[in-house]
Amino acid sequence: MTVIVDSSFVYALYNAREQHHQAAVDYFRRSSDSFLVPDVALPEVCFLCRRDLSIFQPRHCDYFELLP
């Protein structure tokens, strides 16, 4: 199954201080689903990571695959 996730889910994966971080990580690790991140969510995730975490390029980008 493919799950469409929004920016808050992806951001929670990166930010350990975010309220839903552990739940997002647990779901991501145990799920066999594919995750689809809409392209419009990526700029928001990058902005939040840069603003809150001083991350200029989110780590672990190998988790994501760009689709045409």
C-alpha atoms as a PDB file:
ATOM      1  CA  MET A   1       0.000   0.000   0.000  1.00  0.00           C
ATOM      2  CA  THR A   2       1.128   3.580  -0.591  1.00  0.00           C
ATOM      3  CA  VAL A   3       0.651   6.138   2.156  1.00  0.00           C
ATOM      4  CA  ILE A   4       0.582   9.831   1.293  1.00  0.00           C
ATOM      5  CA  VAL A   5       2.341  11.766   4.039  1.00  0.00           C
ATOM      6  CA  ASP A   6       2.423  15.481   4.655  1.00  0.00           C
ATOM      7  CA  SER A   7       5.193  17.773   5.776  1.00  0.00           C
ATOM      8  CA  SER A   8       4.413  17.326   9.466  1.00  0.00           C
ATOM      9  CA  PHE A   9       5.151  13.580   9.279  1.00  0.00           C
ATOM     10  CA  VAL A  10       8.435  14.058   7.446  1.00  0.00           C
ATOM     11  CA  TYR A  11       9.458  16.900   9.768  1.00  0.00           C
ATOM     12  CA  ALA A  12       8.660  14.754  12.812  1.00  0.00           C
ATOM     13  CA  LEU A  13      11.099  12.139  11.495  1.00  0.00           C
ATOM     14  CA  TYR A  14      13.902  14.727  11.570  1.00  0.00           C
ATOM     15  CA  ASN A  15      13.114  16.652  14.743  1.00  0.00           C
ATOM     16  CA  ALA A  16      13.602  14.597  17.907  1.00  0.00           C
ATOM     17  CA  ARG A  17      12.045  17.431  19.942  1.00  0.00           C
ATOM     18  CA  GLU A  18       8.832  17.351  17.926  1.00  0.00           C
ATOM     19  CA  GLN A  19       5.827  16.023  19.866  1.00  0.00           C
ATOM     20  CA  HIS A  20       5.126  13.163  17.434  1.00  0.00           C
ATOM     21  CA  HIS A  21       8.736  12.256  16.618  1.00  0.00           C
ATOM     22  CA  GLN A  22       8.809   8.826  18.250  1.00  0.00           C
ATOM     23  CA  ALA A  23       5.431   7.800  16.843  1.00  0.00           C
ATOM     24  CA  ALA A  24       6.515   8.840  13.339  1.00  0.00           C
ATOM     25  CA  VAL A  25       9.830   6.989  13.626  1.00  0.00           C
ATOM     26  CA  ASP A  26       8.161   3.856  14.994  1.00  0.00           C
ATOM     27  CA  TYR A  27       5.575   3.825  12.211  1.00  0.00           C
ATOM     28  CA  PHE A  28       8.205   4.483   9.542  1.00  0.00           C
ATOM     29  CA  ARG A  29      10.460   1.666  10.792  1.00  0.00           C
ATOM     30  CA  ARG A  30       7.836  -1.024  11.174  1.00  0.00           C
ATOM     31  CA  SER A  31       5.747  -0.199   8.126  1.00  0.00           C
ATOM     32  CA  SER A  32       6.143  -2.095   4.884  1.00  0.00           C
ATOM     33  CA  ASP A  33       4.138   0.597   3.091  1.00  0.00           C
ATOM     34  CA  SER A  34       5.564   2.951   0.512  1.00  0.00           C
ATOM     35  CA  PHE A  35       5.487   6.594   1.518  1.00  0.00           C
ATOM     36  CA  LEU A  36       4.559   9.260  -0.987  1.00  0.00           C
ATOM     37  CA  VAL A  37       5.560  12.828  -0.137  1.00  0.00           C
ATOM     38  CA  PRO A  38       3.866  15.369  -2.403  1.00  0.00           C
ATOM     39  CA  ASP A  39       6.388  17.686  -4.014  1.00  0.00           C
ATOM     40  CA  VAL A  40       4.638  20.717  -2.545  1.00  0.00           C
ATOM     41  CA  ALA A  41       5.484  19.462   0.972  1.00  0.00           C
ATOM     42  CA  LEU A  42       9.248  19.340   0.409  1.00  0.00           C
ATOM     43  CA  PRO A  43       9.933  23.107   0.496  1.00  0.00           C
ATOM     44  CA  GLU A  44       8.109  23.337   3.822  1.00  0.00           C
ATOM     45  CA  VAL A  45      10.118  20.456   5.291  1.00  0.00           C
ATOM     46  CA  CYS A  46      13.362  22.042   4.102  1.00  0.00           C
ATOM     47  CA  PHE A  47      12.344  25.415   5.528  1.00  0.00           C
ATOM     48  CA  LEU A  48      11.441  23.926   8.916  1.00  0.00           C
ATOM     49  CA  CYS A  49      14.644  21.874   9.079  1.00  0.00           C
ATOM     50  CA  ARG A  50      16.701  24.931   8.263  1.00  0.00           C
ATOM     51  CA  ARG A  51      14.829  27.206  10.673  1.00  0.00           C
ATOM     52  CA  ASP A  52      14.519  24.852  13.641  1.00  0.00           C
ATOM     53  CA  LEU A  53      17.388  22.419  13.251  1.00  0.00           C
ATOM     54  CA  SER A  54      19.988  24.355  11.255  1.00  0.00           C
ATOM     55  CA  ILE A  55      19.929  21.561   8.682  1.00  0.00           C
ATOM     56  CA  PHE A  56      20.515  22.936   5.223  1.00  0.00           C
ATOM     57  CA  GLN A  57      19.910  19.656   3.437  1.00  0.00           C
ATOM     58  CA  PRO A  58      17.886  17.023   5.312  1.00  0.00           C
ATOM     59  CA  ARG A  59      19.872  13.896   6.070  1.00  0.00           C
ATOM     60  CA  HIS A  60      18.817  10.412   5.080  1.00  0.00           C
ATOM     61  CA  CYS A  61      17.569  11.486   1.686  1.00  0.00           C
ATOM     62  CA  ASP A  62      18.226   7.936   0.543  1.00  0.00           C
ATOM     63  CA  TYR A  63      14.915   7.045   2.206  1.00  0.00           C
ATOM     64  CA  PHE A  64      13.174   8.959  -0.545  1.00  0.00           C
ATOM     65  CA  GLU A  65      12.984   8.242  -4.237  1.00  0.00           C
ATOM     66  CA  LEU A  66      11.969  10.898  -6.713  1.00  0.00           C
ATOM     67  CA  LEU A  67       9.200   9.767  -9.025  1.00  0.00           C
ATOM     68  CA  PRO A  68       8.417  11.298 -12.402  1.00  0.00           C
END
